[in-house]
N, C-alpha and C. Protein backbone atom coordinates (compact mmCIF):
# COMPACT_ATOMS: atom_id res chain seq x y z
N UNK A 1 -162.21 54.55 -80.02
CA UNK A 1 -163.30 54.49 -79.14
C UNK A 1 -163.31 55.65 -78.95
N UNK A 2 -164.46 56.50 -79.35
CA UNK A 2 -164.89 57.71 -78.35
C UNK A 2 -164.75 57.61 -76.97
N UNK A 3 -164.06 58.77 -75.74
CA UNK A 3 -164.50 58.91 -75.20
C UNK A 3 -165.54 60.26 -74.75
N UNK A 4 -166.66 59.00 -73.92
CA UNK A 4 -167.68 60.69 -73.73
C UNK A 4 -167.19 61.23 -72.39
N UNK A 5 -167.34 62.57 -72.24
CA UNK A 5 -166.72 63.82 -71.61
C UNK A 5 -168.12 63.80 -70.73
N UNK A 6 -168.15 64.60 -69.73
CA UNK A 6 -168.80 64.96 -68.95
C UNK A 6 -168.91 66.26 -68.38
N UNK A 7 -169.02 67.65 -68.57
CA UNK A 7 -169.80 69.41 -68.38
C UNK A 7 -170.56 69.65 -67.56
N UNK A 8 -170.72 70.49 -67.21
CA UNK A 8 -171.13 70.99 -66.46
C UNK A 8 -171.61 72.46 -67.00
N UNK A 9 -172.87 72.91 -67.08
CA UNK A 9 -173.00 74.13 -67.75
C UNK A 9 -173.86 75.09 -67.61
N UNK A 10 -173.56 76.46 -66.25
CA UNK A 10 -174.42 76.66 -65.00
C UNK A 10 -175.49 75.89 -63.91
N UNK A 11 -174.62 75.29 -63.82
CA UNK A 11 -174.90 73.83 -63.15
C UNK A 11 -176.13 73.04 -63.19
N UNK A 12 -176.02 72.75 -65.09
CA UNK A 12 -176.32 70.97 -65.35
C UNK A 12 -175.11 70.46 -66.40
N UNK A 13 -175.71 69.00 -65.70
CA UNK A 13 -174.02 68.41 -65.88
C UNK A 13 -175.15 68.12 -67.39
N UNK A 14 -173.78 67.83 -68.08
CA UNK A 14 -173.97 67.53 -70.06
C UNK A 14 -173.37 66.63 -70.35
N UNK A 15 -173.34 65.09 -71.04
CA UNK A 15 -172.32 64.65 -71.71
C UNK A 15 -172.44 65.19 -73.30
N UNK A 16 -170.95 64.44 -73.88
CA UNK A 16 -169.91 64.14 -75.17
C UNK A 16 -169.70 63.96 -75.62
N UNK A 17 -169.69 63.27 -76.63
CA UNK A 17 -168.10 62.31 -77.50
C UNK A 17 -167.52 63.08 -77.88
N UNK A 18 -167.95 64.60 -78.26
CA UNK A 18 -168.09 64.93 -79.55
C UNK A 18 -166.53 65.71 -79.20
N UNK A 19 -165.21 66.60 -79.06
CA UNK A 19 -164.66 67.34 -79.61
C UNK A 19 -165.54 68.22 -79.31
N UNK A 20 -165.50 69.51 -78.22
CA UNK A 20 -166.29 70.76 -78.28
C UNK A 20 -165.37 72.45 -77.63
N UNK A 21 -164.86 73.22 -78.37
CA UNK A 21 -165.07 74.53 -77.40
C UNK A 21 -166.14 75.34 -76.71
N UNK A 22 -165.15 76.69 -76.44
CA UNK A 22 -165.93 77.05 -76.12
C UNK A 22 -167.08 77.69 -77.06
N UNK A 23 -167.15 78.05 -78.59
CA UNK A 23 -168.32 78.26 -79.46
C UNK A 23 -169.00 77.52 -79.91
N UNK A 24 -168.22 76.50 -79.41
CA UNK A 24 -168.62 75.16 -80.00
C UNK A 24 -170.36 74.92 -79.13
N UNK A 25 -169.70 75.13 -78.07
CA UNK A 25 -171.39 75.40 -76.88
C UNK A 25 -171.75 76.64 -76.47
N UNK A 26 -171.91 77.16 -77.42
CA UNK A 26 -172.28 79.26 -77.39
C UNK A 26 -173.13 78.77 -77.98
N UNK A 27 -172.27 77.70 -79.71
CA UNK A 27 -173.16 78.32 -80.83
C UNK A 27 -174.61 76.64 -80.62
N UNK A 28 -173.90 75.30 -80.31
CA UNK A 28 -175.33 74.72 -80.19
C UNK A 28 -176.65 75.00 -78.98
N UNK A 29 -175.95 76.06 -77.89
CA UNK A 29 -177.25 76.05 -76.10
C UNK A 29 -177.54 77.30 -78.02
N UNK A 30 -177.16 78.04 -78.97
CA UNK A 30 -177.82 79.59 -79.43
C UNK A 30 -178.08 80.01 -78.43
N UNK A 31 -177.16 80.80 -77.93
CA UNK A 31 -176.45 81.90 -76.87
C UNK A 31 -176.44 83.46 -77.84
N UNK A 32 -176.39 84.19 -77.65
CA UNK A 32 -175.93 85.65 -78.24
C UNK A 32 -174.75 85.57 -78.25
N UNK A 33 -173.66 85.94 -78.77
CA UNK A 33 -171.76 85.78 -78.25
C UNK A 33 -171.61 87.15 -77.55
N UNK A 34 -172.62 88.01 -77.96
CA UNK A 34 -172.35 89.33 -78.02
C UNK A 34 -172.95 89.78 -76.99
N UNK A 35 -173.77 89.30 -76.30
CA UNK A 35 -174.51 89.41 -75.09
C UNK A 35 -174.42 88.54 -73.50
N UNK A 36 -172.90 87.99 -73.62
CA UNK A 36 -173.23 87.09 -73.00
C UNK A 36 -171.36 87.76 -71.98
N UNK A 37 -171.31 87.21 -70.88
CA UNK A 37 -170.79 87.14 -70.18
C UNK A 37 -169.67 85.29 -69.39
N UNK A 38 -168.38 84.87 -69.83
CA UNK A 38 -168.81 83.24 -70.20
C UNK A 38 -167.57 83.57 -68.58
N UNK A 39 -167.48 81.92 -67.94
CA UNK A 39 -166.65 81.18 -66.81
C UNK A 39 -166.67 80.30 -67.29
N UNK A 40 -164.95 80.18 -67.14
CA UNK A 40 -164.41 78.66 -67.36
C UNK A 40 -164.28 77.74 -66.71
N UNK A 41 -164.57 77.07 -65.37
CA UNK A 41 -163.27 76.97 -64.08
C UNK A 41 -162.88 78.07 -63.56
N UNK A 42 -164.15 78.66 -63.03
CA UNK A 42 -164.02 79.68 -62.49
C UNK A 42 -162.93 80.65 -63.00
N UNK A 43 -162.71 82.01 -63.54
CA UNK A 43 -162.65 82.06 -64.36
C UNK A 43 -163.10 82.70 -65.55
N UNK A 44 -163.39 84.12 -66.45
CA UNK A 44 -163.78 84.82 -67.05
C UNK A 44 -162.94 84.29 -67.68
N UNK A 45 -163.43 84.23 -68.83
CA UNK A 45 -162.96 83.91 -70.43
C UNK A 45 -163.21 84.97 -71.81
N UNK A 46 -161.87 85.60 -71.68
CA UNK A 46 -162.45 87.25 -73.28
C UNK A 46 -163.24 86.05 -74.65
N UNK A 47 -163.60 86.36 -75.20
CA UNK A 47 -164.27 85.60 -76.59
C UNK A 47 -162.75 85.19 -77.39
N UNK A 48 -161.93 86.08 -77.41
CA UNK A 48 -161.11 85.94 -78.68
C UNK A 48 -160.47 84.12 -78.43
N UNK A 49 -160.97 83.91 -76.77
CA UNK A 49 -160.38 82.43 -76.35
C UNK A 49 -160.90 81.64 -76.18
N UNK A 50 -162.02 82.20 -76.86
CA UNK A 50 -163.40 80.81 -77.35
C UNK A 50 -163.49 79.74 -78.14
N UNK A 51 -162.33 80.07 -79.26
CA UNK A 51 -162.23 78.74 -79.61
C UNK A 51 -160.83 78.20 -79.74
N UNK A 52 -160.37 78.56 -78.94
CA UNK A 52 -159.02 77.92 -78.31
C UNK A 52 -158.98 76.88 -76.99
N UNK A 53 -160.20 76.80 -76.55
CA UNK A 53 -160.48 76.66 -74.99
C UNK A 53 -161.11 74.85 -75.39
N UNK A 54 -160.94 74.23 -75.18
CA UNK A 54 -161.58 73.02 -76.08
C UNK A 54 -162.11 72.60 -74.01
N UNK A 55 -163.49 71.22 -74.13
CA UNK A 55 -163.77 70.67 -72.92
C UNK A 55 -163.33 69.71 -72.60
N UNK A 56 -163.27 69.35 -71.21
CA UNK A 56 -162.43 68.43 -71.27
C UNK A 56 -163.69 68.18 -69.82
N UNK A 57 -163.40 66.85 -69.16
CA UNK A 57 -164.14 65.94 -68.10
C UNK A 57 -164.39 66.78 -67.42
N UNK A 58 -165.42 66.86 -66.56
CA UNK A 58 -166.20 68.00 -65.02
C UNK A 58 -165.53 69.21 -65.88
N UNK A 59 -165.18 70.32 -66.27
CA UNK A 59 -165.52 71.13 -66.76
C UNK A 59 -166.10 72.00 -66.00
N UNK A 60 -166.30 72.96 -65.33
CA UNK A 60 -167.42 74.23 -65.14
C UNK A 60 -167.70 75.99 -65.77
N UNK A 61 -168.85 75.37 -66.67
CA UNK A 61 -169.28 76.88 -67.19
C UNK A 61 -170.08 77.21 -67.25
N UNK A 62 -169.99 78.98 -67.08
CA UNK A 62 -171.10 79.74 -66.34
C UNK A 62 -171.35 80.79 -67.65
N UNK A 63 -172.37 81.13 -67.81
CA UNK A 63 -173.06 82.37 -69.33
C UNK A 63 -174.02 82.95 -67.90
N UNK A 64 -173.33 83.76 -68.39
CA UNK A 64 -174.51 85.04 -67.77
C UNK A 64 -174.93 86.07 -69.39
N UNK A 65 -176.09 85.88 -69.89
CA UNK A 65 -176.84 86.88 -70.31
C UNK A 65 -177.05 87.62 -69.59
N UNK A 66 -176.53 89.10 -70.69
CA UNK A 66 -176.74 90.57 -70.32
C UNK A 66 -177.81 91.20 -70.97
N UNK A 67 -178.77 92.16 -69.99
CA UNK A 67 -180.10 92.19 -70.08
C UNK A 67 -180.74 93.34 -70.47
N UNK A 68 -181.09 94.28 -70.59
CA UNK A 68 -181.08 95.58 -70.83
C UNK A 68 -182.39 95.35 -70.43
N UNK A 69 -182.36 97.07 -69.95
CA UNK A 69 -183.93 97.64 -70.06
C UNK A 69 -184.26 98.87 -69.01
N UNK A 70 -185.20 99.20 -68.44
CA UNK A 70 -185.25 100.20 -68.24
C UNK A 70 -186.11 100.76 -66.69
């Protein structure tokens, strides 16, 4: 039996029964991975670790996209 996990992305609550890592979240929500900063449970998470960090119940993820302009 799968256990549903809830997590928070930019303050909004989501649920999943799948095993997800941070890369899966970025892909699913269609973020441009080269233009963002990801905070995982209050720590900035380097891109090299996104494939190895799996979502647990009540995790908090903040994604800030970088926008250029003049």
